[in-house]
């Protein structure tokens, strides 16, 4: 691959906007829902599933549900995608926290991080 094409591809990757927002992990047999927020929705599912697979997720209730029903019984759902890319990192973090709290209350869900 020629250098200019490679340089253009690297630049396009760096400028790509990463979708951020609120996601849920739903236990299909019990219909329990855990809500979390992420600055990178594209990578979040793999991260959550990996920690659950390793038995290291901080939410003990979710970890127990995974062990009881198996990982195949859980669906990853994107609840809300946020598109305000002009926010500072602190502003983005604050917005994610507020939207996660909103969805936890609106859907009578459990927080992914925090209370078990």
PDB file of N, CA and C in Angstrom:
ATOM      1  N   UNK A   1       0.855  -1.167   0.000  1.00  0.00           N
ATOM      2  CA  UNK A   1       0.000   0.000   0.000  1.00  0.00           C
ATOM      3  C   UNK A   1       0.904   1.233   0.000  1.00  0.00           C
ATOM      4  N   UNK A   2       0.580   2.179  -0.829  1.00  0.00           N
ATOM      5  CA  UNK A   2       1.423   3.371  -0.893  1.00  0.00           C
ATOM      6  C   UNK A   2       1.231   4.238   0.355  1.00  0.00           C
ATOM      7  N   UNK A   3       2.267   4.989   0.671  1.00  0.00           N
ATOM      8  CA  UNK A   3       2.286   5.752   1.927  1.00  0.00           C
ATOM      9  C   UNK A   3       1.167   6.782   2.015  1.00  0.00           C
ATOM     10  N   UNK A   4       0.866   7.450   0.938  1.00  0.00           N
ATOM     11  CA  UNK A   4      -0.166   8.495   1.007  1.00  0.00           C
ATOM     12  C   UNK A   4      -1.542   7.881   1.276  1.00  0.00           C
ATOM     13  N   UNK A   5      -1.815   6.729   0.682  1.00  0.00           N
ATOM     14  CA  UNK A   5      -3.101   6.057   0.936  1.00  0.00           C
ATOM     15  C   UNK A   5      -3.183   5.597   2.384  1.00  0.00           C
ATOM     16  N   UNK A   6      -2.096   5.037   2.874  1.00  0.00           N
ATOM     17  CA  UNK A   6      -2.064   4.585   4.272  1.00  0.00           C
ATOM     18  C   UNK A   6      -2.250   5.777   5.207  1.00  0.00           C
ATOM     19  N   UNK A   7      -1.567   6.873   4.932  1.00  0.00           N
ATOM     20  CA  UNK A   7      -1.672   8.081   5.755  1.00  0.00           C
ATOM     21  C   UNK A   7      -3.119   8.596   5.757  1.00  0.00           C
ATOM     22  N   UNK A   8      -3.771   8.592   4.594  1.00  0.00           N
ATOM     23  CA  UNK A   8      -5.171   9.024   4.498  1.00  0.00           C
ATOM     24  C   UNK A   8      -6.093   8.123   5.310  1.00  0.00           C
ATOM     25  N   UNK A   9      -5.855   6.821   5.270  1.00  0.00           N
ATOM     26  CA  UNK A   9      -6.682   5.877   6.019  1.00  0.00           C
ATOM     27  C   UNK A   9      -6.498   6.077   7.530  1.00  0.00           C
ATOM     28  N   UNK A  10      -5.269   6.286   7.970  1.00  0.00           N
ATOM     29  CA  UNK A  10      -4.999   6.528   9.386  1.00  0.00           C
ATOM     30  C   UNK A  10      -5.676   7.816   9.827  1.00  0.00           C
ATOM     31  N   UNK A  11      -5.595   8.854   9.008  1.00  0.00           N
ATOM     32  CA  UNK A  11      -6.222  10.134   9.348  1.00  0.00           C
ATOM     33  C   UNK A  11      -7.740   9.984   9.431  1.00  0.00           C
ATOM     34  N   UNK A  12      -8.336   9.245   8.503  1.00  0.00           N
ATOM     35  CA  UNK A  12      -9.787   9.024   8.521  1.00  0.00           C
ATOM     36  C   UNK A  12     -10.193   8.265   9.783  1.00  0.00           C
ATOM     37  N   UNK A  13      -9.392   7.294  10.194  1.00  0.00           N
ATOM     38  CA  UNK A  13      -9.681   6.543  11.419  1.00  0.00           C
ATOM     39  C   UNK A  13      -9.645   7.462  12.636  1.00  0.00           C
ATOM     40  N   UNK A  14      -8.651   8.329  12.703  1.00  0.00           N
ATOM     41  CA  UNK A  14      -8.521   9.237  13.840  1.00  0.00           C
ATOM     42  C   UNK A  14      -9.668  10.240  13.902  1.00  0.00           C
ATOM     43  N   UNK A  15     -10.189  10.635  12.750  1.00  0.00           N
ATOM     44  CA  UNK A  15     -11.258  11.632  12.707  1.00  0.00           C
ATOM     45  C   UNK A  15     -12.656  11.020  12.837  1.00  0.00           C
ATOM     46  N   UNK A  16     -12.750   9.704  12.775  1.00  0.00           N
ATOM     47  CA  UNK A  16     -14.059   9.039  12.862  1.00  0.00           C
ATOM     48  C   UNK A  16     -14.674   9.310  14.226  1.00  0.00           C
ATOM     49  N   UNK A  17     -15.945   9.609  14.230  1.00  0.00           N
ATOM     50  CA  UNK A  17     -16.669   9.885  15.474  1.00  0.00           C
ATOM     51  C   UNK A  17     -17.074   8.550  16.114  1.00  0.00           C
ATOM     52  N   UNK A  18     -16.763   8.409  17.387  1.00  0.00           N
ATOM     53  CA  UNK A  18     -17.111   7.205  18.124  1.00  0.00           C
ATOM     54  C   UNK A  18     -18.498   7.388  18.735  1.00  0.00           C
ATOM     55  N   UNK A  19     -19.439   6.481  18.434  1.00  0.00           N
ATOM     56  CA  UNK A  19     -20.774   6.624  19.027  1.00  0.00           C
ATOM     57  C   UNK A  19     -20.715   6.379  20.537  1.00  0.00           C
ATOM     58  N   UNK A  20     -21.360   7.275  21.280  1.00  0.00           N
ATOM     59  CA  UNK A  20     -21.407   7.110  22.725  1.00  0.00           C
ATOM     60  C   UNK A  20     -22.851   7.187  23.172  1.00  0.00           C
ATOM     61  N   UNK A  21     -23.131   6.608  24.330  1.00  0.00           N
ATOM     62  CA  UNK A  21     -24.502   6.647  24.802  1.00  0.00           C
ATOM     63  C   UNK A  21     -24.783   5.654  25.907  1.00  0.00           C
ATOM     64  N   UNK A  22     -26.042   5.231  25.961  1.00  0.00           N
ATOM     65  CA  UNK A  22     -26.541   4.366  27.030  1.00  0.00           C
ATOM     66  C   UNK A  22     -26.884   3.009  26.431  1.00  0.00           C
ATOM     67  N   UNK A  23     -26.529   1.955  27.142  1.00  0.00           N
ATOM     68  CA  UNK A  23     -26.793   0.594  26.677  1.00  0.00           C
ATOM     69  C   UNK A  23     -27.422  -0.216  27.800  1.00  0.00           C
ATOM     70  N   UNK A  24     -27.991  -1.334  27.446  1.00  0.00           N
ATOM     71  CA  UNK A  24     -28.577  -2.217  28.434  1.00  0.00           C
ATOM     72  C   UNK A  24     -28.155  -3.657  28.190  1.00  0.00           C
ATOM     73  N   UNK A  25     -28.160  -4.420  29.227  1.00  0.00           N
ATOM     74  CA  UNK A  25     -27.919  -5.853  29.152  1.00  0.00           C
ATOM     75  C   UNK A  25     -29.148  -6.515  29.754  1.00  0.00           C
ATOM     76  N   UNK A  26     -29.913  -7.221  28.918  1.00  0.00           N
ATOM     77  CA  UNK A  26     -31.191  -7.794  29.336  1.00  0.00           C
ATOM     78  C   UNK A  26     -31.079  -9.308  29.481  1.00  0.00           C
ATOM     79  N   UNK A  27     -31.552  -9.809  30.628  1.00  0.00           N
ATOM     80  CA  UNK A  27     -31.643 -11.245  30.859  1.00  0.00           C
ATOM     81  C   UNK A  27     -32.965 -11.697  30.236  1.00  0.00           C
ATOM     82  N   UNK A  28     -32.913 -12.466  29.186  1.00  0.00           N
ATOM     83  CA  UNK A  28     -34.122 -12.863  28.465  1.00  0.00           C
ATOM     84  C   UNK A  28     -35.053 -13.744  29.293  1.00  0.00           C
ATOM     85  N   UNK A  29     -34.573 -14.706  30.081  1.00  0.00           N
ATOM     86  CA  UNK A  29     -35.500 -15.527  30.868  1.00  0.00           C
ATOM     87  C   UNK A  29     -36.246 -14.754  31.963  1.00  0.00           C
ATOM     88  N   UNK A  30     -35.590 -13.769  32.580  1.00  0.00           N
ATOM     89  CA  UNK A  30     -36.219 -13.057  33.693  1.00  0.00           C
ATOM     90  C   UNK A  30     -36.665 -11.646  33.330  1.00  0.00           C
ATOM     91  N   UNK A  31     -36.255 -11.149  32.174  1.00  0.00           N
ATOM     92  CA  UNK A  31     -36.534  -9.803  31.691  1.00  0.00           C
ATOM     93  C   UNK A  31     -35.918  -8.726  32.584  1.00  0.00           C
ATOM     94  N   UNK A  32     -34.934  -9.077  33.397  1.00  0.00           N
ATOM     95  CA  UNK A  32     -34.199  -8.077  34.171  1.00  0.00           C
ATOM     96  C   UNK A  32     -33.342  -7.270  33.209  1.00  0.00           C
ATOM     97  N   UNK A  33     -33.153  -5.997  33.522  1.00  0.00           N
ATOM     98  CA  UNK A  33     -32.381  -5.115  32.652  1.00  0.00           C
ATOM     99  C   UNK A  33     -31.386  -4.324  33.484  1.00  0.00           C
ATOM    100  N   UNK A  34     -30.133  -4.335  33.058  1.00  0.00           N
ATOM    101  CA  UNK A  34     -29.082  -3.546  33.676  1.00  0.00           C
ATOM    102  C   UNK A  34     -28.681  -2.465  32.676  1.00  0.00           C
ATOM    103  N   UNK A  35     -28.596  -1.223  33.146  1.00  0.00           N
ATOM    104  CA  UNK A  35     -28.291  -0.082  32.288  1.00  0.00           C
ATOM    105  C   UNK A  35     -26.913   0.466  32.630  1.00  0.00           C
ATOM    106  N   UNK A  36     -26.161   0.807  31.588  1.00  0.00           N
ATOM    107  CA  UNK A  36     -24.862   1.444  31.752  1.00  0.00           C
ATOM    108  C   UNK A  36     -24.666   2.494  30.673  1.00  0.00           C
ATOM    109  N   UNK A  37     -23.628   3.283  30.807  1.00  0.00           N
ATOM    110  CA  UNK A  37     -23.303   4.314  29.831  1.00  0.00           C
ATOM    111  C   UNK A  37     -21.870   4.104  29.371  1.00  0.00           C
ATOM    112  N   UNK A  38     -21.604   4.479  28.125  1.00  0.00           N
ATOM    113  CA  UNK A  38     -20.271   4.248  27.589  1.00  0.00           C
ATOM    114  C   UNK A  38     -19.862   5.351  26.621  1.00  0.00           C
ATOM    115  N   UNK A  39     -18.600   5.774  26.694  1.00  0.00           N
ATOM    116  CA  UNK A  39     -18.099   6.723  25.708  1.00  0.00           C
ATOM    117  C   UNK A  39     -17.783   6.044  24.370  1.00  0.00           C
ATOM    118  N   UNK A  40     -17.883   4.700  24.326  1.00  0.00           N
ATOM    119  CA  UNK A  40     -17.616   3.960  23.099  1.00  0.00           C
ATOM    120  C   UNK A  40     -18.565   2.765  23.015  1.00  0.00           C
ATOM    121  N   UNK A  41     -19.749   2.989  22.476  1.00  0.00           N
ATOM    122  CA  UNK A  41     -20.747   1.922  22.393  1.00  0.00           C
ATOM    123  C   UNK A  41     -20.287   0.757  21.518  1.00  0.00           C
ATOM    124  N   UNK A  42     -19.456   1.061  20.524  1.00  0.00           N
ATOM    125  CA  UNK A  42     -19.003   0.018  19.610  1.00  0.00           C
ATOM    126  C   UNK A  42     -18.170  -1.049  20.315  1.00  0.00           C
ATOM    127  N   UNK A  43     -17.417  -0.658  21.317  1.00  0.00           N
ATOM    128  CA  UNK A  43     -16.538  -1.604  22.015  1.00  0.00           C
ATOM    129  C   UNK A  43     -17.115  -2.090  23.339  1.00  0.00           C
ATOM    130  N   UNK A  44     -18.188  -1.492  23.791  1.00  0.00           N
ATOM    131  CA  UNK A  44     -18.691  -1.771  25.134  1.00  0.00           C
ATOM    132  C   UNK A  44     -19.201  -3.196  25.308  1.00  0.00           C
ATOM    133  N   UNK A  45     -19.898  -3.734  24.333  1.00  0.00           N
ATOM    134  CA  UNK A  45     -20.444  -5.083  24.481  1.00  0.00           C
ATOM    135  C   UNK A  45     -19.340  -6.094  24.749  1.00  0.00           C
ATOM    136  N   UNK A  46     -18.268  -6.032  23.975  1.00  0.00           N
ATOM    137  CA  UNK A  46     -17.167  -6.970  24.182  1.00  0.00           C
ATOM    138  C   UNK A  46     -16.546  -6.808  25.564  1.00  0.00           C
ATOM    139  N   UNK A  47     -16.410  -5.564  26.023  1.00  0.00           N
ATOM    140  CA  UNK A  47     -15.805  -5.322  27.332  1.00  0.00           C
ATOM    141  C   UNK A  47     -16.662  -5.910  28.452  1.00  0.00           C
ATOM    142  N   UNK A  48     -17.966  -5.689  28.396  1.00  0.00           N
ATOM    143  CA  UNK A  48     -18.864  -6.202  29.434  1.00  0.00           C
ATOM    144  C   UNK A  48     -18.891  -7.726  29.408  1.00  0.00           C
ATOM    145  N   UNK A  49     -19.035  -8.285  28.220  1.00  0.00           N
ATOM    146  CA  UNK A  49     -19.094  -9.746  28.118  1.00  0.00           C
ATOM    147  C   UNK A  49     -17.789 -10.402  28.584  1.00  0.00           C
ATOM    148  N   UNK A  50     -16.666  -9.761  28.302  1.00  0.00           N
ATOM    149  CA  UNK A  50     -15.384 -10.309  28.730  1.00  0.00           C
ATOM    150  C   UNK A  50     -15.278 -10.334  30.256  1.00  0.00           C
ATOM    151  N   UNK A  51     -15.628  -9.233  30.923  1.00  0.00           N
ATOM    152  CA  UNK A  51     -15.539  -9.215  32.379  1.00  0.00           C
ATOM    153  C   UNK A  51     -16.507 -10.208  33.009  1.00  0.00           C
ATOM    154  N   UNK A  52     -17.668 -10.376  32.400  1.00  0.00           N
ATOM    155  CA  UNK A  52     -18.618 -11.367  32.917  1.00  0.00           C
ATOM    156  C   UNK A  52     -18.088 -12.781  32.720  1.00  0.00           C
ATOM    157  N   UNK A  53     -17.492 -13.035  31.563  1.00  0.00           N
ATOM    158  CA  UNK A  53     -16.935 -14.354  31.277  1.00  0.00           C
ATOM    159  C   UNK A  53     -15.814 -14.712  32.257  1.00  0.00           C
ATOM    160  N   UNK A  54     -15.033 -13.703  32.626  1.00  0.00           N
ATOM    161  CA  UNK A  54     -13.932 -13.919  33.562  1.00  0.00           C
ATOM    162  C   UNK A  54     -14.413 -13.986  35.011  1.00  0.00           C
ATOM    163  N   UNK A  55     -15.689 -13.670  35.240  1.00  0.00           N
ATOM    164  CA  UNK A  55     -16.215 -13.675  36.600  1.00  0.00           C
ATOM    165  C   UNK A  55     -15.761 -12.487  37.420  1.00  0.00           C
ATOM    166  N   UNK A  56     -15.409 -11.407  36.749  1.00  0.00           N
ATOM    167  CA  UNK A  56     -14.821 -10.244  37.426  1.00  0.00           C
ATOM    168  C   UNK A  56     -15.686  -8.994  37.341  1.00  0.00           C
ATOM    169  N   UNK A  57     -16.934  -9.117  36.939  1.00  0.00           N
ATOM    170  CA  UNK A  57     -17.759  -7.920  36.825  1.00  0.00           C
ATOM    171  C   UNK A  57     -18.085  -7.392  38.223  1.00  0.00           C
ATOM    172  N   UNK A  58     -18.020  -6.061  38.432  1.00  0.00           N
ATOM    173  CA  UNK A  58     -18.277  -5.518  39.764  1.00  0.00           C
ATOM    174  C   UNK A  58     -19.725  -5.644  40.230  1.00  0.00           C
ATOM    175  N   UNK A  59     -20.666  -5.850  39.331  1.00  0.00           N
ATOM    176  CA  UNK A  59     -22.069  -5.999  39.720  1.00  0.00           C
ATOM    177  C   UNK A  59     -22.323  -7.472  40.035  1.00  0.00           C
ATOM    178  N   UNK A  60     -22.393  -7.789  41.296  1.00  0.00           N
ATOM    179  CA  UNK A  60     -22.534  -9.186  41.723  1.00  0.00           C
ATOM    180  C   UNK A  60     -23.880  -9.784  41.312  1.00  0.00           C
ATOM    181  N   UNK A  61     -24.922  -8.969  41.298  1.00  0.00           N
ATOM    182  CA  UNK A  61     -26.230  -9.457  40.871  1.00  0.00           C
ATOM    183  C   UNK A  61     -26.233  -9.879  39.415  1.00  0.00           C
ATOM    184  N   UNK A  62     -25.610  -9.077  38.572  1.00  0.00           N
ATOM    185  CA  UNK A  62     -25.496  -9.406  37.148  1.00  0.00           C
ATOM    186  C   UNK A  62     -24.617 -10.632  36.966  1.00  0.00           C
ATOM    187  N   UNK A  63     -23.511 -10.684  37.692  1.00  0.00           N
ATOM    188  CA  UNK A  63     -22.606 -11.834  37.587  1.00  0.00           C
ATOM    189  C   UNK A  63     -23.320 -13.118  37.991  1.00  0.00           C
ATOM    190  N   UNK A  64     -24.131 -13.059  39.039  1.00  0.00           N
ATOM    191  CA  UNK A  64     -24.884 -14.232  39.481  1.00  0.00           C
ATOM    192  C   UNK A  64     -25.919 -14.638  38.437  1.00  0.00           C
ATOM    193  N   UNK A  65     -26.551 -13.666  37.804  1.00  0.00           N
ATOM    194  CA  UNK A  65     -27.545 -13.970  36.768  1.00  0.00           C
ATOM    195  C   UNK A  65     -26.883 -14.623  35.558  1.00  0.00           C
ATOM    196  N   UNK A  66     -25.704 -14.167  35.204  1.00  0.00           N
ATOM    197  CA  UNK A  66     -24.961 -14.774  34.085  1.00  0.00           C
ATOM    198  C   UNK A  66     -24.621 -16.220  34.417  1.00  0.00           C
ATOM    199  N   UNK A  67     -24.198 -16.472  35.638  1.00  0.00           N
ATOM    200  CA  UNK A  67     -23.838 -17.832  36.024  1.00  0.00           C
ATOM    201  C   UNK A  67     -25.074 -18.729  36.088  1.00  0.00           C
ATOM    202  N   UNK A  68     -26.211 -18.166  36.453  1.00  0.00           N
ATOM    203  CA  UNK A  68     -27.438 -18.956  36.557  1.00  0.00           C
ATOM    204  C   UNK A  68     -28.037 -19.279  35.187  1.00  0.00           C
ATOM    205  N   UNK A  69     -27.997 -18.317  34.263  1.00  0.00           N
ATOM    206  CA  UNK A  69     -28.688 -18.492  32.981  1.00  0.00           C
ATOM    207  C   UNK A  69     -27.764 -18.692  31.791  1.00  0.00           C
ATOM    208  N   UNK A  70     -26.484 -18.370  31.952  1.00  0.00           N
ATOM    209  CA  UNK A  70     -25.533 -18.506  30.859  1.00  0.00           C
ATOM    210  C   UNK A  70     -25.484 -17.245  30.007  1.00  0.00           C
ATOM    211  N   UNK A  71     -24.338 -16.993  29.377  1.00  0.00           N
ATOM    212  CA  UNK A  71     -24.175 -15.763  28.605  1.00  0.00           C
ATOM    213  C   UNK A  71     -25.100 -15.656  27.393  1.00  0.00           C
ATOM    214  N   UNK A  72     -25.524 -16.768  26.842  1.00  0.00           N
ATOM    215  CA  UNK A  72     -26.402 -16.730  25.669  1.00  0.00           C
ATOM    216  C   UNK A  72     -27.796 -16.211  26.003  1.00  0.00           C
ATOM    217  N   UNK A  73     -28.138 -16.178  27.274  1.00  0.00           N
ATOM    218  CA  UNK A  73     -29.464 -15.720  27.700  1.00  0.00           C
ATOM    219  C   UNK A  73     -29.519 -14.205  27.885  1.00  0.00           C
ATOM    220  N   UNK A  74     -28.471 -13.499  27.482  1.00  0.00           N
ATOM    221  CA  UNK A  74     -28.409 -12.054  27.660  1.00  0.00           C
ATOM    222  C   UNK A  74     -28.291 -11.350  26.320  1.00  0.00           C
ATOM    223  N   UNK A  75     -29.053 -10.277  26.180  1.00  0.00           N
ATOM    224  CA  UNK A  75     -29.028  -9.481  24.959  1.00  0.00           C
ATOM    225  C   UNK A  75     -28.448  -8.105  25.271  1.00  0.00           C
ATOM    226  N   UNK A  76     -27.551  -7.656  24.418  1.00  0.00           N
ATOM    227  CA  UNK A  76     -26.978  -6.311  24.519  1.00  0.00           C
ATOM    228  C   UNK A  76     -27.851  -5.381  23.694  1.00  0.00           C
ATOM    229  N   UNK A  77     -28.323  -4.304  24.313  1.00  0.00           N
ATOM    230  CA  UNK A  77     -29.222  -3.370  23.636  1.00  0.00           C
ATOM    231  C   UNK A  77     -28.664  -1.952  23.747  1.00  0.00           C
ATOM    232  N   UNK A  78     -28.656  -1.239  22.638  1.00  0.00           N
ATOM    233  CA  UNK A  78     -28.313   0.175  22.691  1.00  0.00           C
ATOM    234  C   UNK A  78     -29.607   0.926  22.957  1.00  0.00           C
ATOM    235  N   UNK A  79     -29.658   1.598  24.089  1.00  0.00           N
ATOM    236  CA  UNK A  79     -30.863   2.291  24.531  1.00  0.00           C
ATOM    237  C   UNK A  79     -30.930   3.685  23.925  1.00  0.00           C
ATOM    238  N   UNK A  80     -29.811   4.393  23.906  1.00  0.00           N
ATOM    239  CA  UNK A  80     -29.788   5.755  23.380  1.00  0.00           C
ATOM    240  C   UNK A  80     -28.386   6.074  22.878  1.00  0.00           C
ATOM    241  N   UNK A  81     -28.311   6.594  21.676  1.00  0.00           N
ATOM    242  CA  UNK A  81     -27.050   7.062  21.126  1.00  0.00           C
ATOM    243  C   UNK A  81     -27.054   8.578  21.192  1.00  0.00           C
ATOM    244  N   UNK A  82     -26.003   9.132  21.742  1.00  0.00           N
ATOM    245  CA  UNK A  82     -25.875  10.581  21.871  1.00  0.00           C
ATOM    246  C   UNK A  82     -24.939  11.085  20.777  1.00  0.00           C
ATOM    247  N   UNK A  83     -25.214  12.261  20.272  1.00  0.00           N
ATOM    248  CA  UNK A  83     -24.423  12.723  19.131  1.00  0.00           C
ATOM    249  C   UNK A  83     -23.771  14.082  19.329  1.00  0.00           C
ATOM    250  N   UNK A  84     -23.728  14.584  20.526  1.00  0.00           N
ATOM    251  CA  UNK A  84     -23.121  15.883  20.771  1.00  0.00           C
ATOM    252  C   UNK A  84     -21.612  15.712  20.906  1.00  0.00           C
ATOM    253  N   UNK A  85     -20.925  15.661  19.785  1.00  0.00           N
ATOM    254  CA  UNK A  85     -19.485  15.421  19.765  1.00  0.00           C
ATOM    255  C   UNK A  85     -18.680  16.650  20.179  1.00  0.00           C
ATOM    256  N   UNK A  86     -19.322  17.810  20.318  1.00  0.00           N
ATOM    257  CA  UNK A  86     -18.602  19.031  20.656  1.00  0.00           C
ATOM    258  C   UNK A  86     -18.386  19.197  22.151  1.00  0.00           C
ATOM    259  N   UNK A  87     -18.865  18.271  22.940  1.00  0.00           N
ATOM    260  CA  UNK A  87     -18.705  18.352  24.392  1.00  0.00           C
ATOM    261  C   UNK A  87     -17.263  18.081  24.800  1.00  0.00           C
ATOM    262  N   UNK A  88     -16.860  18.682  25.895  1.00  0.00           N
ATOM    263  CA  UNK A  88     -15.558  18.362  26.477  1.00  0.00           C
ATOM    264  C   UNK A  88     -15.655  16.957  27.069  1.00  0.00           C
ATOM    265  N   UNK A  89     -14.530  16.319  27.360  1.00  0.00           N
ATOM    266  CA  UNK A  89     -14.605  14.995  27.989  1.00  0.00           C
ATOM    267  C   UNK A  89     -15.410  15.008  29.290  1.00  0.00           C
ATOM    268  N   UNK A  90     -15.275  16.061  30.097  1.00  0.00           N
ATOM    269  CA  UNK A  90     -16.030  16.146  31.347  1.00  0.00           C
ATOM    270  C   UNK A  90     -17.521  16.338  31.057  1.00  0.00           C
ATOM    271  N   UNK A  91     -17.835  17.139  30.060  1.00  0.00           N
ATOM    272  CA  UNK A  91     -19.228  17.351  29.680  1.00  0.00           C
ATOM    273  C   UNK A  91     -19.863  16.079  29.150  1.00  0.00           C
ATOM    274  N   UNK A  92     -19.101  15.324  28.375  1.00  0.00           N
ATOM    275  CA  UNK A  92     -19.600  14.052  27.842  1.00  0.00           C
ATOM    276  C   UNK A  92     -19.855  13.062  28.971  1.00  0.00           C
ATOM    277  N   UNK A  93     -18.938  12.998  29.931  1.00  0.00           N
ATOM    278  CA  UNK A  93     -19.092  12.097  31.074  1.00  0.00           C
ATOM    279  C   UNK A  93     -20.329  12.461  31.885  1.00  0.00           C
ATOM    280  N   UNK A  94     -20.527  13.748  32.120  1.00  0.00           N
ATOM    281  CA  UNK A  94     -21.693  14.210  32.878  1.00  0.00           C
ATOM    282  C   UNK A  94     -22.985  13.869  32.143  1.00  0.00           C
ATOM    283  N   UNK A  95     -23.011  14.109  30.837  1.00  0.00           N
ATOM    284  CA  UNK A  95     -24.199  13.793  30.038  1.00  0.00           C
ATOM    285  C   UNK A  95     -24.502  12.295  30.078  1.00  0.00           C
ATOM    286  N   UNK A  96     -23.470  11.465  29.964  1.00  0.00           N
ATOM    287  CA  UNK A  96     -23.668  10.015  30.021  1.00  0.00           C
ATOM    288  C   UNK A  96     -24.262   9.587  31.362  1.00  0.00           C
ATOM    289  N   UNK A  97     -23.752  10.146  32.441  1.00  0.00           N
ATOM    290  CA  UNK A  97     -24.268   9.793  33.771  1.00  0.00           C
ATOM    291  C   UNK A  97     -25.736  10.189  33.913  1.00  0.00           C
ATOM    292  N   UNK A  98     -26.071  11.412  33.468  1.00  0.00           N
ATOM    293  CA  UNK A  98     -27.454  11.882  33.580  1.00  0.00           C
ATOM    294  C   UNK A  98     -28.406  11.035  32.737  1.00  0.00           C
ATOM    295  N   UNK A  99     -27.997  10.659  31.541  1.00  0.00           N
ATOM    296  CA  UNK A  99     -28.854   9.860  30.668  1.00  0.00           C
ATOM    297  C   UNK A  99     -29.006   8.431  31.201  1.00  0.00           C
ATOM    298  N   UNK A 100     -27.954   7.882  31.792  1.00  0.00           N
ATOM    299  CA  UNK A 100     -28.050   6.541  32.390  1.00  0.00           C
ATOM    300  C   UNK A 100     -29.039   6.557  33.545  1.00  0.00           C
ATOM    301  N   UNK A 101     -28.968   7.565  34.395  1.00  0.00           N
ATOM    302  CA  UNK A 101     -29.905   7.675  35.520  1.00  0.00           C
ATOM    303  C   UNK A 101     -31.332   7.807  34.982  1.00  0.00           C
ATOM    304  N   UNK A 102     -31.508   8.613  33.952  1.00  0.00           N
ATOM    305  CA  UNK A 102     -32.841   8.777  33.356  1.00  0.00           C
ATOM    306  C   UNK A 102     -33.400   7.427  32.902  1.00  0.00           C
ATOM    307  N   UNK A 103     -32.600   6.652  32.177  1.00  0.00           N
ATOM    308  CA  UNK A 103     -33.084   5.378  31.636  1.00  0.00           C
ATOM    309  C   UNK A 103     -33.273   4.325  32.719  1.00  0.00           C
ATOM    310  N   UNK A 104     -32.469   4.358  33.756  1.00  0.00           N
ATOM    311  CA  UNK A 104     -32.651   3.422  34.870  1.00  0.00           C
ATOM    312  C   UNK A 104     -34.017   3.661  35.496  1.00  0.00           C
ATOM    313  N   UNK A 105     -34.351   4.925  35.696  1.00  0.00           N
ATOM    314  CA  UNK A 105     -35.656   5.256  36.273  1.00  0.00           C
ATOM    315  C   UNK A 105     -36.799   4.979  35.299  1.00  0.00           C
ATOM    316  N   UNK A 106     -36.635   5.365  34.046  1.00  0.00           N
ATOM    317  CA  UNK A 106     -37.708   5.221  33.054  1.00  0.00           C
ATOM    318  C   UNK A 106     -38.033   3.760  32.758  1.00  0.00           C
ATOM    319  N   UNK A 107     -37.035   2.897  32.795  1.00  0.00           N
ATOM    320  CA  UNK A 107     -37.235   1.485  32.441  1.00  0.00           C
ATOM    321  C   UNK A 107     -37.279   0.573  33.668  1.00  0.00           C
ATOM    322  N   UNK A 108     -37.268   1.166  34.854  1.00  0.00           N
ATOM    323  CA  UNK A 108     -37.229   0.397  36.098  1.00  0.00           C
ATOM    324  C   UNK A 108     -36.130  -0.659  36.038  1.00  0.00           C
ATOM    325  N   UNK A 109     -34.954  -0.205  35.611  1.00  0.00           N
ATOM    326  CA  UNK A 109     -33.801  -1.089  35.431  1.00  0.00           C
ATOM    327  C   UNK A 109     -32.858  -0.968  36.624  1.00  0.00           C
ATOM    328  N   UNK A 110     -31.824  -1.772  36.584  1.00  0.00           N
ATOM    329  CA  UNK A 110     -30.800  -1.747  37.608  1.00  0.00           C
ATOM    330  C   UNK A 110     -29.544  -1.111  37.005  1.00  0.00           C
ATOM    331  N   UNK A 111     -28.765  -0.402  37.824  1.00  0.00           N
ATOM    332  CA  UNK A 111     -27.523   0.161  37.300  1.00  0.00           C
ATOM    333  C   UNK A 111     -26.493  -0.936  37.070  1.00  0.00           C
ATOM    334  N   UNK A 112     -25.786  -0.838  35.965  1.00  0.00           N
ATOM    335  CA  UNK A 112     -24.748  -1.828  35.652  1.00  0.00           C
ATOM    336  C   UNK A 112     -23.588  -1.699  36.641  1.00  0.00           C
ATOM    337  N   UNK A 113     -23.246  -0.477  36.984  1.00  0.00           N
ATOM    338  CA  UNK A 113     -22.182  -0.214  37.943  1.00  0.00           C
ATOM    339  C   UNK A 113     -22.806   0.493  39.132  1.00  0.00           C
ATOM    340  N   UNK A 114     -22.435   0.096  40.305  1.00  0.00           N
ATOM    341  CA  UNK A 114     -22.998   0.717  41.509  1.00  0.00           C
ATOM    342  C   UNK A 114     -23.709  -0.337  42.333  1.00  0.00           C
ATOM    343  N   UNK A 115     -24.932  -0.055  42.705  1.00  0.00           N
ATOM    344  CA  UNK A 115     -25.702  -0.995  43.537  1.00  0.00           C
ATOM    345  C   UNK A 115     -25.930  -2.292  42.776  1.00  0.00           C
ATOM    346  N   UNK A 116     -25.784  -3.388  43.465  1.00  0.00           N
ATOM    347  CA  UNK A 116     -25.924  -4.709  42.827  1.00  0.00           C
ATOM    348  C   UNK A 116     -27.372  -5.106  42.695  1.00  0.00           C
TER     349      UNK A 116
END
